Amino acid sequence: MNDLQLSPPDWSPEEIRFLSDIGAIDHPGQIEEVELIKRRWVYRTLREVFRTPNGFILKRYANAPGRNDLRRVWQREDGALRELAGLPVPNTSGFVQFRNHWGKQSILYARSLVPGSPITDINQPLLEKIGHLLASFHRRGIITQDASPDNFLVEENTDQTLWFIDFGRARHYRSANALYWTSIGKEFALLQYHFGLSSAQMASLLAAYWQKSPHSRLAQAFILWRFHRLQRRYVRRAHTRLLSMTDVTKP
């Protein structure tokens, strides 16, 4: 729900102190140099994304009076990044909680900025990198639940390291079970849907994934069964969306 008549909160003393403590800004006056990247309402919660001069990404969730978005996105992202420390993911700096000028809860979350470029070309080496990267996450029990092209970045260096940058929807499984395998199957079905991969491309990606994953044959069979069931659902959804768009554009 948009509510543009509500002015966004100013930077609070708690936020400025937190950003100074983690090195996101060098001094309180530098808060004026923090750049707004995105702003939108989800129910009665204002979601904002900022970039600081010192190379941090900030995500602020400010509740306004009324029905709020109660998902604890910051906790999911912070927990996932701590679990994946050492892999090509951002570094988390944690979050601070305070009351905003509406008298409601606000959360400011901070993580490092990854310099890189979005994926522009799907080739065999990239498919292998995606498969290996997701296998490294899954081995630590983290399922991204958001494996879309926008969340992968190719680092601007000589070895073209592939990074994943957004874990706001991530789930952490502490043991291998049917729900964990189901989530992996869904991860791959969504990935194929968002990337628009052919069956041959998806087979190459999965082959790279199996090389680096510790799943048993039973687990692999369960993951593939779930993947194919969801894959068909997303194909039907895409077909229905295409038909609806065609109907709208008819003279």
Protein backbone atom coordinates (compact mmCIF):
# COMPACT_ATOMS: atom_id res chain seq x y z
CA MET A 1 0.00 0.00 0.00
CA ASN A 2 1.45 3.33 -1.04
CA ASP A 3 1.12 6.20 1.37
CA LEU A 4 3.17 8.95 -0.21
CA GLN A 5 1.66 11.66 1.97
CA LEU A 6 3.73 10.29 4.88
CA SER A 7 7.18 11.89 4.81
CA PRO A 8 10.08 9.40 5.22
CA PRO A 9 11.81 9.46 8.61
CA ASP A 10 14.88 11.62 9.04
CA TRP A 11 18.11 9.93 10.10
CA SER A 12 17.84 9.24 13.82
CA PRO A 13 20.67 9.58 16.37
CA GLU A 14 20.62 5.78 16.80
CA GLU A 15 21.15 5.26 13.06
CA ILE A 16 23.94 7.82 12.80
CA ARG A 17 25.73 6.32 15.81
CA PHE A 18 25.38 2.80 14.36
CA LEU A 19 26.71 3.87 10.96
CA SER A 20 29.67 5.64 12.56
CA ASP A 21 30.47 2.61 14.71
CA ILE A 22 30.59 0.20 11.75
CA GLY A 23 32.51 2.61 9.49
CA ALA A 24 29.71 3.20 7.00
CA ILE A 25 30.25 6.94 7.49
CA ASP A 26 33.38 8.70 8.75
CA HIS A 27 31.56 11.36 10.78
CA PRO A 28 27.93 12.38 11.49
CA GLY A 29 27.97 15.11 8.84
CA GLN A 30 28.63 12.53 6.13
CA ILE A 31 25.08 11.24 6.54
CA GLU A 32 24.11 13.87 3.97
CA GLU A 33 26.15 11.98 1.36
CA VAL A 34 24.20 8.73 1.78
CA GLU A 35 22.44 8.04 -1.54
CA LEU A 36 18.86 6.75 -1.80
CA ILE A 37 18.63 3.89 -4.34
CA LYS A 38 15.10 2.58 -3.86
CA ARG A 39 11.97 3.42 -1.88
CA ARG A 40 8.63 1.60 -1.73
CA TRP A 41 5.77 0.73 0.61
CA VAL A 42 4.85 -2.82 1.61
CA TYR A 43 1.60 -2.66 3.55
CA ARG A 44 2.36 0.17 6.02
CA THR A 45 6.11 -0.41 6.11
CA LEU A 46 8.41 1.90 4.17
CA ARG A 47 11.31 -0.05 2.65
CA GLU A 48 14.35 1.97 1.61
CA VAL A 49 17.76 1.04 0.20
CA PHE A 50 20.76 3.39 0.44
CA ARG A 51 24.42 3.40 -0.57
CA THR A 52 27.07 5.11 1.56
CA PRO A 53 30.31 6.74 0.36
CA ASN A 54 32.31 4.12 2.28
CA GLY A 55 30.97 1.16 0.33
CA PHE A 56 27.99 -0.04 2.39
CA ILE A 57 24.45 -0.96 1.38
CA LEU A 58 21.81 0.06 3.93
CA LYS A 59 18.28 -1.32 4.13
CA ARG A 60 15.77 0.50 6.31
CA TYR A 61 12.36 -0.86 7.29
CA ALA A 62 10.20 1.86 8.89
CA ASN A 63 6.78 0.90 10.22
CA ALA A 64 3.99 3.48 10.04
CA PRO A 65 0.70 3.34 11.98
CA GLY A 66 -1.54 0.60 10.60
CA ARG A 67 -1.02 -2.90 9.26
CA ASN A 68 2.74 -3.44 8.94
CA ASP A 69 4.89 -5.86 6.98
CA LEU A 70 5.93 -8.20 9.79
CA ARG A 71 8.51 -10.28 7.89
CA ARG A 72 11.90 -10.09 9.61
CA VAL A 73 13.87 -9.70 6.40
CA TRP A 74 16.90 -8.17 8.11
CA GLN A 75 17.27 -11.14 10.45
CA ARG A 76 17.15 -13.60 7.55
CA GLU A 77 19.79 -11.71 5.62
CA ASP A 78 22.07 -11.13 8.59
CA GLY A 79 21.86 -14.77 9.68
CA ALA A 80 22.45 -16.13 6.18
CA LEU A 81 25.49 -13.92 5.56
CA ARG A 82 27.04 -14.88 8.89
CA GLU A 83 26.56 -18.54 8.00
CA LEU A 84 28.11 -18.02 4.54
CA ALA A 85 31.13 -15.98 5.69
CA GLY A 86 34.14 -16.61 3.46
CA LEU A 87 32.08 -17.33 0.32
CA PRO A 88 31.45 -14.74 -2.46
CA VAL A 89 28.65 -12.95 -0.62
CA PRO A 90 28.54 -9.52 1.06
CA ASN A 91 29.81 -9.04 4.61
CA THR A 92 27.09 -8.27 7.13
CA SER A 93 27.42 -5.50 9.70
CA GLY A 94 24.23 -6.30 11.58
CA PHE A 95 21.31 -4.02 12.34
CA VAL A 96 19.97 -1.53 14.85
CA GLN A 97 16.39 -1.16 16.08
CA PHE A 98 14.78 2.10 17.25
CA ARG A 99 11.50 4.04 17.31
CA ASN A 100 10.88 6.37 14.38
CA HIS A 101 9.06 9.72 14.31
CA TRP A 102 5.75 7.89 13.80
CA GLY A 103 6.29 6.21 17.19
CA LYS A 104 6.70 2.82 15.54
CA GLN A 105 9.58 0.38 15.09
CA SER A 106 12.31 0.98 12.52
CA ILE A 107 15.21 -1.28 11.59
CA LEU A 108 18.39 -0.23 9.82
CA TYR A 109 20.43 -3.10 8.38
CA ALA A 110 23.91 -2.73 6.84
CA ARG A 111 26.11 -4.91 4.63
CA SER A 112 29.06 -4.38 2.33
CA LEU A 113 28.67 -3.25 -1.28
CA VAL A 114 29.88 -5.75 -3.91
CA PRO A 115 31.43 -4.04 -6.96
CA GLY A 116 30.41 -5.95 -10.05
CA SER A 117 28.25 -6.17 -13.15
CA PRO A 118 24.92 -7.94 -13.70
CA ILE A 119 24.85 -11.12 -15.77
CA THR A 120 24.44 -10.26 -19.45
CA ASP A 121 25.39 -13.49 -21.23
CA ILE A 122 24.56 -17.08 -20.31
CA ASN A 123 27.38 -19.43 -21.32
CA GLN A 124 28.70 -22.79 -20.17
CA PRO A 125 31.34 -21.45 -17.72
CA LEU A 126 28.70 -19.21 -16.12
CA LEU A 127 26.24 -22.10 -15.73
CA GLU A 128 28.95 -24.08 -13.96
CA LYS A 129 29.73 -21.14 -11.66
CA ILE A 130 26.06 -20.78 -10.73
CA GLY A 131 25.80 -24.50 -9.99
CA HIS A 132 28.96 -24.50 -7.86
CA LEU A 133 27.95 -21.33 -5.99
CA LEU A 134 24.50 -22.63 -5.06
CA ALA A 135 26.04 -25.95 -3.99
CA SER A 136 28.35 -24.06 -1.60
CA PHE A 137 25.33 -22.30 -0.07
CA HIS A 138 23.26 -25.45 0.23
CA ARG A 139 26.10 -27.33 1.92
CA ARG A 140 25.81 -24.80 4.75
CA GLY A 141 22.03 -25.15 4.83
CA ILE A 142 21.22 -21.80 3.16
CA ILE A 143 18.59 -21.72 0.38
CA THR A 144 18.39 -18.27 -1.22
CA GLN A 145 14.74 -18.60 -2.39
CA ASP A 146 15.49 -15.70 -4.77
CA ALA A 147 17.91 -16.98 -7.42
CA SER A 148 17.05 -14.37 -10.05
CA PRO A 149 19.54 -12.69 -12.45
CA ASP A 150 19.40 -9.40 -10.53
CA ASN A 151 20.94 -11.06 -7.47
CA PHE A 152 24.04 -12.43 -9.22
CA LEU A 153 27.00 -10.15 -9.92
CA VAL A 154 30.22 -10.83 -11.81
CA GLU A 155 33.07 -9.17 -9.94
CA GLU A 156 35.18 -6.78 -12.00
CA ASN A 157 38.49 -8.62 -11.62
CA THR A 158 40.65 -11.03 -13.57
CA ASP A 159 38.98 -14.27 -12.48
CA GLN A 160 35.40 -12.97 -12.91
CA THR A 161 34.19 -14.24 -9.52
CA LEU A 162 30.43 -14.80 -9.33
CA TRP A 163 28.71 -13.29 -6.27
CA PHE A 164 25.19 -13.53 -4.84
CA ILE A 165 24.02 -10.38 -3.09
CA ASP A 166 20.48 -10.60 -1.68
CA PHE A 167 19.50 -13.01 1.10
CA GLY A 168 16.37 -11.25 2.36
CA ARG A 169 14.26 -14.32 1.54
CA ALA A 170 16.81 -16.95 2.54
CA ARG A 171 15.98 -19.96 4.68
CA HIS A 172 18.45 -21.73 6.95
CA TYR A 173 18.07 -25.51 7.38
CA ARG A 174 20.12 -27.15 10.11
CA SER A 175 19.55 -30.71 8.89
CA ALA A 176 18.83 -32.46 5.61
CA ASN A 177 15.17 -33.45 5.39
CA ALA A 178 12.27 -33.47 2.94
CA LEU A 179 11.54 -29.78 3.46
CA TYR A 180 15.19 -28.89 2.79
CA TRP A 181 15.20 -30.95 -0.42
CA THR A 182 11.87 -29.43 -1.47
CA SER A 183 13.33 -25.93 -1.06
CA ILE A 184 16.29 -26.88 -3.24
CA GLY A 185 13.95 -28.17 -5.95
CA LYS A 186 12.02 -24.91 -5.79
CA GLU A 187 15.27 -22.93 -5.93
CA PHE A 188 16.15 -24.55 -9.26
CA ALA A 189 12.63 -24.25 -10.70
CA LEU A 190 12.58 -20.52 -9.94
CA LEU A 191 16.10 -20.10 -11.30
CA GLN A 192 15.17 -21.69 -14.63
CA TYR A 193 11.99 -19.60 -14.77
CA HIS A 194 13.74 -16.27 -14.04
CA PHE A 195 16.75 -16.93 -16.28
CA GLY A 196 14.70 -18.48 -19.10
CA LEU A 197 17.11 -21.42 -19.37
CA SER A 198 16.58 -24.20 -21.88
CA SER A 199 16.42 -27.83 -20.78
CA ALA A 200 19.99 -28.37 -22.01
CA GLN A 201 21.28 -25.33 -20.10
CA MET A 202 19.51 -26.43 -16.94
CA ALA A 203 20.98 -29.91 -17.29
CA SER A 204 24.48 -28.40 -17.49
CA LEU A 205 23.87 -26.28 -14.41
CA LEU A 206 22.57 -29.26 -12.43
CA ALA A 207 25.50 -31.41 -13.51
CA ALA A 208 27.88 -28.78 -12.08
CA TYR A 209 25.77 -28.60 -8.92
CA TRP A 210 25.85 -32.37 -8.31
CA GLN A 211 29.65 -32.30 -8.61
CA LYS A 212 29.91 -30.03 -5.57
CA SER A 213 26.93 -31.18 -3.51
CA PRO A 214 26.97 -34.02 -0.95
CA HIS A 215 23.41 -35.24 -1.64
CA SER A 216 22.68 -38.96 -1.68
CA ARG A 217 21.01 -40.56 -4.68
CA LEU A 218 17.74 -40.59 -2.79
CA ALA A 219 18.05 -36.86 -2.07
CA GLN A 220 18.94 -36.13 -5.70
CA ALA A 221 15.88 -38.05 -6.89
CA PHE A 222 13.63 -36.15 -4.47
CA ILE A 223 15.10 -32.77 -5.49
CA LEU A 224 14.65 -33.54 -9.20
CA TRP A 225 11.08 -34.78 -8.65
CA ARG A 226 10.19 -31.56 -6.86
CA PHE A 227 12.04 -29.46 -9.44
CA HIS A 228 10.13 -30.98 -12.38
CA ARG A 229 6.75 -30.59 -10.67
CA LEU A 230 7.36 -26.92 -9.93
CA GLN A 231 8.97 -26.37 -13.31
CA ARG A 232 5.74 -27.37 -15.05
CA ARG A 233 3.78 -25.03 -12.77
CA TYR A 234 5.99 -22.05 -13.64
CA VAL A 235 5.83 -22.86 -17.36
CA ARG A 236 2.03 -22.81 -17.18
CA ARG A 237 2.16 -19.54 -15.25
CA ALA A 238 4.40 -17.95 -17.88
CA HIS A 239 2.10 -19.20 -20.66
CA THR A 240 -0.98 -17.79 -18.92
CA ARG A 241 0.77 -14.44 -18.42
CA LEU A 242 1.75 -14.33 -22.10
CA LEU A 243 -1.84 -15.04 -23.17
CA SER A 244 -3.19 -12.31 -20.89
CA MET A 245 -0.70 -9.81 -22.31
CA THR A 246 -1.72 -10.80 -25.84
CA ASP A 247 -5.39 -10.21 -25.01
CA VAL A 248 -4.62 -6.75 -23.64
CA THR A 249 -2.67 -5.73 -26.75
CA LYS A 250 -5.32 -6.90 -29.23
CA PRO A 251 -6.99 -3.98 -31.09
